[in-house]
Amino acid sequence: MPMIRPDGRWQLIVWCALTFVLELGVLLLVAFGATMLIMSIRFYYGPWADPPGTNEMHVVFMVLAVVATAVHTAIRWKRGTVPA
């Protein structure tokens, strides 16, 4: 997809906002899925109803998703380009 410099600043603001929200939603779903998968595996192989460390692991995955999205949006903003 070719990238162009936007005519106005609003085009870049809208593009970055939309991609931030969509990317964050997708990454949060991936983090939730990874947590559930790991928790299910630990539940199957361990004697726990709620495996220890699951809540902390979920928080770490969510924080990583937010940080990755913020960094990617900052890079996109610095480039200052939107799809053609």
PDB file of N, CA and C in Angstrom:
ATOM      1  N   MET A   1       0.853  -1.168   0.000  1.00  0.00           N
ATOM      2  CA  MET A   1       0.000   0.000   0.000  1.00  0.00           C
ATOM      3  C   MET A   1       0.903   1.237   0.000  1.00  0.00           C
ATOM      4  N   PRO A   2       0.779   2.073  -1.016  1.00  0.00           N
ATOM      5  CA  PRO A   2       1.621   3.279  -1.046  1.00  0.00           C
ATOM      6  C   PRO A   2       1.195   4.275   0.037  1.00  0.00           C
ATOM      7  N   MET A   3       2.171   4.945   0.602  1.00  0.00           N
ATOM      8  CA  MET A   3       1.904   5.935   1.642  1.00  0.00           C
ATOM      9  C   MET A   3       2.180   7.324   1.091  1.00  0.00           C
ATOM     10  N   ILE A   4       1.368   8.294   1.490  1.00  0.00           N
ATOM     11  CA  ILE A   4       1.533   9.678   1.039  1.00  0.00           C
ATOM     12  C   ILE A   4       1.539  10.602   2.255  1.00  0.00           C
ATOM     13  N   ARG A   5       2.039  11.795   2.052  1.00  0.00           N
ATOM     14  CA  ARG A   5       1.946  12.836   3.082  1.00  0.00           C
ATOM     15  C   ARG A   5       0.546  13.443   2.994  1.00  0.00           C
ATOM     16  N   PRO A   6      -0.154  13.553   4.117  1.00  0.00           N
ATOM     17  CA  PRO A   6      -1.517  14.098   4.073  1.00  0.00           C
ATOM     18  C   PRO A   6      -1.526  15.583   3.756  1.00  0.00           C
ATOM     19  N   ASP A   7      -2.632  16.033   3.122  1.00  0.00           N
ATOM     20  CA  ASP A   7      -2.801  17.447   2.816  1.00  0.00           C
ATOM     21  C   ASP A   7      -2.988  18.256   4.093  1.00  0.00           C
ATOM     22  N   GLY A   8      -3.788  17.750   4.988  1.00  0.00           N
ATOM     23  CA  GLY A   8      -4.049  18.443   6.249  1.00  0.00           C
ATOM     24  C   GLY A   8      -3.665  17.573   7.427  1.00  0.00           C
ATOM     25  N   ARG A   9      -3.505  18.202   8.564  1.00  0.00           N
ATOM     26  CA  ARG A   9      -3.116  17.477   9.773  1.00  0.00           C
ATOM     27  C   ARG A   9      -4.233  16.571  10.270  1.00  0.00           C
ATOM     28  N   TRP A  10      -5.499  16.947   9.985  1.00  0.00           N
ATOM     29  CA  TRP A  10      -6.625  16.159  10.469  1.00  0.00           C
ATOM     30  C   TRP A  10      -6.649  14.766   9.872  1.00  0.00           C
ATOM     31  N   GLN A  11      -6.227  14.647   8.633  1.00  0.00           N
ATOM     32  CA  GLN A  11      -6.192  13.334   7.991  1.00  0.00           C
ATOM     33  C   GLN A  11      -5.238  12.405   8.742  1.00  0.00           C
ATOM     34  N   LEU A  12      -4.106  12.902   9.147  1.00  0.00           N
ATOM     35  CA  LEU A  12      -3.145  12.105   9.913  1.00  0.00           C
ATOM     36  C   LEU A  12      -3.682  11.785  11.300  1.00  0.00           C
ATOM     37  N   ILE A  13      -4.330  12.757  11.936  1.00  0.00           N
ATOM     38  CA  ILE A  13      -4.883  12.538  13.272  1.00  0.00           C
ATOM     39  C   ILE A  13      -5.941  11.440  13.233  1.00  0.00           C
ATOM     40  N   VAL A  14      -6.839  11.525  12.268  1.00  0.00           N
ATOM     41  CA  VAL A  14      -7.906  10.523  12.154  1.00  0.00           C
ATOM     42  C   VAL A  14      -7.317   9.153  11.844  1.00  0.00           C
ATOM     43  N   TRP A  15      -6.371   9.091  10.926  1.00  0.00           N
ATOM     44  CA  TRP A  15      -5.756   7.813  10.556  1.00  0.00           C
ATOM     45  C   TRP A  15      -5.056   7.187  11.762  1.00  0.00           C
ATOM     46  N   CYS A  16      -4.280   7.952  12.489  1.00  0.00           N
ATOM     47  CA  CYS A  16      -3.571   7.413  13.652  1.00  0.00           C
ATOM     48  C   CYS A  16      -4.545   6.981  14.745  1.00  0.00           C
ATOM     49  N   ALA A  17      -5.612   7.758  14.947  1.00  0.00           N
ATOM     50  CA  ALA A  17      -6.595   7.400  15.970  1.00  0.00           C
ATOM     51  C   ALA A  17      -7.314   6.107  15.619  1.00  0.00           C
ATOM     52  N   LEU A  18      -7.749   5.985  14.380  1.00  0.00           N
ATOM     53  CA  LEU A  18      -8.449   4.773  13.965  1.00  0.00           C
ATOM     54  C   LEU A  18      -7.555   3.543  14.040  1.00  0.00           C
ATOM     55  N   THR A  19      -6.349   3.653  13.540  1.00  0.00           N
ATOM     56  CA  THR A  19      -5.458   2.496  13.575  1.00  0.00           C
ATOM     57  C   THR A  19      -5.058   2.146  15.004  1.00  0.00           C
ATOM     58  N   PHE A  20      -4.929   3.156  15.873  1.00  0.00           N
ATOM     59  CA  PHE A  20      -4.611   2.883  17.277  1.00  0.00           C
ATOM     60  C   PHE A  20      -5.715   2.060  17.922  1.00  0.00           C
ATOM     61  N   VAL A  21      -6.951   2.483  17.733  1.00  0.00           N
ATOM     62  CA  VAL A  21      -8.081   1.780  18.351  1.00  0.00           C
ATOM     63  C   VAL A  21      -8.209   0.365  17.795  1.00  0.00           C
ATOM     64  N   LEU A  22      -8.121   0.216  16.484  1.00  0.00           N
ATOM     65  CA  LEU A  22      -8.241  -1.111  15.877  1.00  0.00           C
ATOM     66  C   LEU A  22      -7.096  -2.027  16.271  1.00  0.00           C
ATOM     67  N   GLU A  23      -5.886  -1.513  16.224  1.00  0.00           N
ATOM     68  CA  GLU A  23      -4.726  -2.328  16.582  1.00  0.00           C
ATOM     69  C   GLU A  23      -4.766  -2.713  18.062  1.00  0.00           C
ATOM     70  N   LEU A  24      -5.154  -1.784  18.907  1.00  0.00           N
ATOM     71  CA  LEU A  24      -5.249  -2.088  20.331  1.00  0.00           C
ATOM     72  C   LEU A  24      -6.298  -3.161  20.581  1.00  0.00           C
ATOM     73  N   GLY A  25      -7.436  -3.060  19.925  1.00  0.00           N
ATOM     74  CA  GLY A  25      -8.472  -4.082  20.081  1.00  0.00           C
ATOM     75  C   GLY A  25      -7.999  -5.459  19.664  1.00  0.00           C
ATOM     76  N   VAL A  26      -7.316  -5.529  18.530  1.00  0.00           N
ATOM     77  CA  VAL A  26      -6.813  -6.817  18.052  1.00  0.00           C
ATOM     78  C   VAL A  26      -5.757  -7.377  19.005  1.00  0.00           C
ATOM     79  N   LEU A  27      -4.833  -6.545  19.436  1.00  0.00           N
ATOM     80  CA  LEU A  27      -3.785  -7.029  20.332  1.00  0.00           C
ATOM     81  C   LEU A  27      -4.331  -7.422  21.701  1.00  0.00           C
ATOM     82  N   LEU A  28      -5.348  -6.722  22.193  1.00  0.00           N
ATOM     83  CA  LEU A  28      -5.952  -7.122  23.460  1.00  0.00           C
ATOM     84  C   LEU A  28      -6.670  -8.461  23.324  1.00  0.00           C
ATOM     85  N   LEU A  29      -7.302  -8.707  22.192  1.00  0.00           N
ATOM     86  CA  LEU A  29      -7.922 -10.009  21.963  1.00  0.00           C
ATOM     87  C   LEU A  29      -6.872 -11.117  21.876  1.00  0.00           C
ATOM     88  N   VAL A  30      -5.756 -10.840  21.228  1.00  0.00           N
ATOM     89  CA  VAL A  30      -4.662 -11.818  21.152  1.00  0.00           C
ATOM     90  C   VAL A  30      -4.100 -12.090  22.548  1.00  0.00           C
ATOM     91  N   ALA A  31      -3.928 -11.042  23.346  1.00  0.00           N
ATOM     92  CA  ALA A  31      -3.421 -11.217  24.705  1.00  0.00           C
ATOM     93  C   ALA A  31      -4.393 -12.041  25.545  1.00  0.00           C
ATOM     94  N   PHE A  32      -5.684 -11.771  25.397  1.00  0.00           N
ATOM     95  CA  PHE A  32      -6.691 -12.542  26.125  1.00  0.00           C
ATOM     96  C   PHE A  32      -6.670 -14.006  25.688  1.00  0.00           C
ATOM     97  N   GLY A  33      -6.580 -14.243  24.388  1.00  0.00           N
ATOM     98  CA  GLY A  33      -6.527 -15.614  23.867  1.00  0.00           C
ATOM     99  C   GLY A  33      -5.297 -16.358  24.348  1.00  0.00           C
ATOM    100  N   ALA A  34      -4.143 -15.684  24.352  1.00  0.00           N
ATOM    101  CA  ALA A  34      -2.911 -16.315  24.835  1.00  0.00           C
ATOM    102  C   ALA A  34      -3.026 -16.661  26.315  1.00  0.00           C
ATOM    103  N   THR A  35      -3.617 -15.764  27.090  1.00  0.00           N
ATOM    104  CA  THR A  35      -3.809 -16.033  28.518  1.00  0.00           C
ATOM    105  C   THR A  35      -4.717 -17.234  28.722  1.00  0.00           C
ATOM    106  N   MET A  36      -5.802 -17.297  27.988  1.00  0.00           N
ATOM    107  CA  MET A  36      -6.738 -18.419  28.140  1.00  0.00           C
ATOM    108  C   MET A  36      -6.094 -19.726  27.701  1.00  0.00           C
ATOM    109  N   LEU A  37      -5.307 -19.697  26.639  1.00  0.00           N
ATOM    110  CA  LEU A  37      -4.632 -20.903  26.172  1.00  0.00           C
ATOM    111  C   LEU A  37      -3.635 -21.406  27.211  1.00  0.00           C
ATOM    112  N   ILE A  38      -2.813 -20.512  27.712  1.00  0.00           N
ATOM    113  CA  ILE A  38      -1.822 -20.906  28.708  1.00  0.00           C
ATOM    114  C   ILE A  38      -2.508 -21.364  29.993  1.00  0.00           C
ATOM    115  N   MET A  39      -3.561 -20.668  30.405  1.00  0.00           N
ATOM    116  CA  MET A  39      -4.283 -21.065  31.607  1.00  0.00           C
ATOM    117  C   MET A  39      -4.915 -22.444  31.428  1.00  0.00           C
ATOM    118  N   SER A  40      -5.460 -22.724  30.259  1.00  0.00           N
ATOM    119  CA  SER A  40      -6.063 -24.029  30.001  1.00  0.00           C
ATOM    120  C   SER A  40      -5.026 -25.145  30.047  1.00  0.00           C
ATOM    121  N   ILE A  41      -3.866 -24.893  29.470  1.00  0.00           N
ATOM    122  CA  ILE A  41      -2.791 -25.889  29.496  1.00  0.00           C
ATOM    123  C   ILE A  41      -2.327 -26.127  30.921  1.00  0.00           C
ATOM    124  N   ARG A  42      -2.147 -25.053  31.674  1.00  0.00           N
ATOM    125  CA  ARG A  42      -1.723 -25.195  33.076  1.00  0.00           C
ATOM    126  C   ARG A  42      -2.797 -25.876  33.911  1.00  0.00           C
ATOM    127  N   PHE A  43      -4.049 -25.600  33.641  1.00  0.00           N
ATOM    128  CA  PHE A  43      -5.141 -26.241  34.371  1.00  0.00           C
ATOM    129  C   PHE A  43      -5.181 -27.738  34.069  1.00  0.00           C
ATOM    130  N   TYR A  44      -4.947 -28.097  32.808  1.00  0.00           N
ATOM    131  CA  TYR A  44      -4.986 -29.504  32.410  1.00  0.00           C
ATOM    132  C   TYR A  44      -3.860 -30.307  33.061  1.00  0.00           C
ATOM    133  N   TYR A  45      -2.662 -29.730  33.113  1.00  0.00           N
ATOM    134  CA  TYR A  45      -1.501 -30.454  33.636  1.00  0.00           C
ATOM    135  C   TYR A  45      -1.242 -30.226  35.121  1.00  0.00           C
ATOM    136  N   GLY A  46      -2.011 -29.367  35.768  1.00  0.00           N
ATOM    137  CA  GLY A  46      -1.773 -29.083  37.180  1.00  0.00           C
ATOM    138  C   GLY A  46      -3.016 -29.339  38.011  1.00  0.00           C
ATOM    139  N   PRO A  47      -2.858 -29.374  39.306  1.00  0.00           N
ATOM    140  CA  PRO A  47      -3.995 -29.656  40.187  1.00  0.00           C
ATOM    141  C   PRO A  47      -4.775 -28.404  40.602  1.00  0.00           C
ATOM    142  N   TRP A  48      -4.651 -27.297  39.868  1.00  0.00           N
ATOM    143  CA  TRP A  48      -5.245 -26.036  40.306  1.00  0.00           C
ATOM    144  C   TRP A  48      -6.546 -25.755  39.582  1.00  0.00           C
ATOM    145  N   ALA A  49      -7.501 -25.182  40.314  1.00  0.00           N
ATOM    146  CA  ALA A  49      -8.714 -24.679  39.671  1.00  0.00           C
ATOM    147  C   ALA A  49      -8.426 -23.309  39.055  1.00  0.00           C
ATOM    148  N   ASP A  50      -7.559 -22.542  39.696  1.00  0.00           N
ATOM    149  CA  ASP A  50      -7.104 -21.248  39.180  1.00  0.00           C
ATOM    150  C   ASP A  50      -5.587 -21.250  39.297  1.00  0.00           C
ATOM    151  N   PRO A  51      -4.879 -21.574  38.204  1.00  0.00           N
ATOM    152  CA  PRO A  51      -3.422 -21.689  38.283  1.00  0.00           C
ATOM    153  C   PRO A  51      -2.774 -20.416  38.833  1.00  0.00           C
ATOM    154  N   PRO A  52      -1.780 -20.547  39.711  1.00  0.00           N
ATOM    155  CA  PRO A  52      -1.136 -19.363  40.278  1.00  0.00           C
ATOM    156  C   PRO A  52      -0.408 -18.552  39.210  1.00  0.00           C
ATOM    157  N   GLY A  53      -0.478 -17.245  39.349  1.00  0.00           N
ATOM    158  CA  GLY A  53       0.216 -16.350  38.426  1.00  0.00           C
ATOM    159  C   GLY A  53      -0.572 -16.001  37.179  1.00  0.00           C
ATOM    160  N   THR A  54      -1.783 -16.530  37.048  1.00  0.00           N
ATOM    161  CA  THR A  54      -2.574 -16.269  35.843  1.00  0.00           C
ATOM    162  C   THR A  54      -2.977 -14.800  35.748  1.00  0.00           C
ATOM    163  N   ASN A  55      -3.401 -14.221  36.850  1.00  0.00           N
ATOM    164  CA  ASN A  55      -3.806 -12.810  36.826  1.00  0.00           C
ATOM    165  C   ASN A  55      -2.631 -11.906  36.464  1.00  0.00           C
ATOM    166  N   GLU A  56      -1.471 -12.184  37.034  1.00  0.00           N
ATOM    167  CA  GLU A  56      -0.283 -11.382  36.733  1.00  0.00           C
ATOM    168  C   GLU A  56       0.122 -11.536  35.270  1.00  0.00           C
ATOM    169  N   MET A  57       0.050 -12.771  34.758  1.00  0.00           N
ATOM    170  CA  MET A  57       0.391 -13.016  33.357  1.00  0.00           C
ATOM    171  C   MET A  57      -0.571 -12.244  32.447  1.00  0.00           C
ATOM    172  N   HIS A  58      -1.848 -12.236  32.798  1.00  0.00           N
ATOM    173  CA  HIS A  58      -2.841 -11.518  32.000  1.00  0.00           C
ATOM    174  C   HIS A  58      -2.532 -10.016  31.993  1.00  0.00           C
ATOM    175  N   VAL A  59      -2.180  -9.463  33.132  1.00  0.00           N
ATOM    176  CA  VAL A  59      -1.838  -8.039  33.218  1.00  0.00           C
ATOM    177  C   VAL A  59      -0.601  -7.737  32.375  1.00  0.00           C
ATOM    178  N   VAL A  60       0.403  -8.593  32.435  1.00  0.00           N
ATOM    179  CA  VAL A  60       1.631  -8.387  31.650  1.00  0.00           C
ATOM    180  C   VAL A  60       1.313  -8.410  30.159  1.00  0.00           C
ATOM    181  N   PHE A  61       0.499  -9.375  29.715  1.00  0.00           N
ATOM    182  CA  PHE A  61       0.139  -9.441  28.298  1.00  0.00           C
ATOM    183  C   PHE A  61      -0.637  -8.196  27.860  1.00  0.00           C
ATOM    184  N   MET A  62      -1.539  -7.720  28.699  1.00  0.00           N
ATOM    185  CA  MET A  62      -2.320  -6.529  28.363  1.00  0.00           C
ATOM    186  C   MET A  62      -1.427  -5.287  28.288  1.00  0.00           C
ATOM    187  N   VAL A  63      -0.497  -5.163  29.234  1.00  0.00           N
ATOM    188  CA  VAL A  63       0.425  -4.018  29.216  1.00  0.00           C
ATOM    189  C   VAL A  63       1.296  -4.068  27.965  1.00  0.00           C
ATOM    190  N   LEU A  64       1.782  -5.252  27.607  1.00  0.00           N
ATOM    191  CA  LEU A  64       2.586  -5.381  26.390  1.00  0.00           C
ATOM    192  C   LEU A  64       1.781  -4.988  25.147  1.00  0.00           C
ATOM    193  N   ALA A  65       0.508  -5.342  25.112  1.00  0.00           N
ATOM    194  CA  ALA A  65      -0.343  -4.972  23.974  1.00  0.00           C
ATOM    195  C   ALA A  65      -0.495  -3.458  23.883  1.00  0.00           C
ATOM    196  N   VAL A  66      -0.712  -2.799  25.012  1.00  0.00           N
ATOM    197  CA  VAL A  66      -0.880  -1.345  25.016  1.00  0.00           C
ATOM    198  C   VAL A  66       0.425  -0.648  24.632  1.00  0.00           C
ATOM    199  N   VAL A  67       1.542  -1.112  25.182  1.00  0.00           N
ATOM    200  CA  VAL A  67       2.845  -0.495  24.871  1.00  0.00           C
ATOM    201  C   VAL A  67       3.187  -0.686  23.395  1.00  0.00           C
ATOM    202  N   ALA A  68       2.980  -1.889  22.864  1.00  0.00           N
ATOM    203  CA  ALA A  68       3.283  -2.139  21.451  1.00  0.00           C
ATOM    204  C   ALA A  68       2.434  -1.250  20.548  1.00  0.00           C
ATOM    205  N   THR A  69       1.169  -1.088  20.890  1.00  0.00           N
ATOM    206  CA  THR A  69       0.292  -0.235  20.089  1.00  0.00           C
ATOM    207  C   THR A  69       0.721   1.230  20.175  1.00  0.00           C
ATOM    208  N   ALA A  70       1.068   1.682  21.359  1.00  0.00           N
ATOM    209  CA  ALA A  70       1.490   3.080  21.524  1.00  0.00           C
ATOM    210  C   ALA A  70       2.782   3.359  20.759  1.00  0.00           C
ATOM    211  N   VAL A  71       3.731   2.444  20.826  1.00  0.00           N
ATOM    212  CA  VAL A  71       4.998   2.628  20.106  1.00  0.00           C
ATOM    213  C   VAL A  71       4.756   2.627  18.602  1.00  0.00           C
ATOM    214  N   HIS A  72       3.934   1.705  18.137  1.00  0.00           N
ATOM    215  CA  HIS A  72       3.655   1.641  16.703  1.00  0.00           C
ATOM    216  C   HIS A  72       2.948   2.905  16.219  1.00  0.00           C
ATOM    217  N   THR A  73       2.028   3.430  17.020  1.00  0.00           N
ATOM    218  CA  THR A  73       1.337   4.668  16.652  1.00  0.00           C
ATOM    219  C   THR A  73       2.291   5.857  16.671  1.00  0.00           C
ATOM    220  N   ALA A  74       3.197   5.890  17.637  1.00  0.00           N
ATOM    221  CA  ALA A  74       4.191   6.975  17.690  1.00  0.00           C
ATOM    222  C   ALA A  74       5.090   6.949  16.463  1.00  0.00           C
ATOM    223  N   ILE A  75       5.480   5.777  16.029  1.00  0.00           N
ATOM    224  CA  ILE A  75       6.303   5.655  14.818  1.00  0.00           C
ATOM    225  C   ILE A  75       5.509   6.114  13.601  1.00  0.00           C
ATOM    226  N   ARG A  76       4.255   5.700  13.541  1.00  0.00           N
ATOM    227  CA  ARG A  76       3.386   6.101  12.422  1.00  0.00           C
ATOM    228  C   ARG A  76       3.211   7.623  12.405  1.00  0.00           C
ATOM    229  N   TRP A  77       3.029   8.224  13.594  1.00  0.00           N
ATOM    230  CA  TRP A  77       2.847   9.669  13.694  1.00  0.00           C
ATOM    231  C   TRP A  77       4.123  10.399  13.259  1.00  0.00           C
ATOM    232  N   LYS A  78       5.283   9.890  13.666  1.00  0.00           N
ATOM    233  CA  LYS A  78       6.554  10.541  13.322  1.00  0.00           C
ATOM    234  C   LYS A  78       6.796  10.505  11.818  1.00  0.00           C
ATOM    235  N   ARG A  79       6.432   9.391  11.175  1.00  0.00           N
ATOM    236  CA  ARG A  79       6.574   9.319   9.715  1.00  0.00           C
ATOM    237  C   ARG A  79       5.660  10.310   9.030  1.00  0.00           C
ATOM    238  N   GLY A  80       4.472  10.510   9.605  1.00  0.00           N
ATOM    239  CA  GLY A  80       3.534  11.496   9.069  1.00  0.00           C
ATOM    240  C   GLY A  80       2.932  11.119   7.741  1.00  0.00           C
ATOM    241  N   THR A  81       2.731   9.826   7.520  1.00  0.00           N
ATOM    242  CA  THR A  81       2.150   9.382   6.249  1.00  0.00           C
ATOM    243  C   THR A  81       0.863   8.613   6.514  1.00  0.00           C
ATOM    244  N   VAL A  82      -0.007   8.619   5.512  1.00  0.00           N
ATOM    245  CA  VAL A  82      -1.256   7.868   5.547  1.00  0.00           C
ATOM    246  C   VAL A  82      -1.359   7.074   4.240  1.00  0.00           C
ATOM    247  N   PRO A  83      -2.188   6.016   4.205  1.00  0.00           N
ATOM    248  CA  PRO A  83      -2.325   5.262   2.947  1.00  0.00           C
ATOM    249  C   PRO A  83      -2.910   6.106   1.843  1.00  0.00           C
ATOM    250  N   ALA A  84      -2.482   5.844   0.639  1.00  0.00           N
ATOM    251  CA  ALA A  84      -2.967   6.605  -0.531  1.00  0.00           C
ATOM    252  C   ALA A  84      -4.361   6.195  -0.897  1.00  0.00           C
TER     253      ALA A  84
END
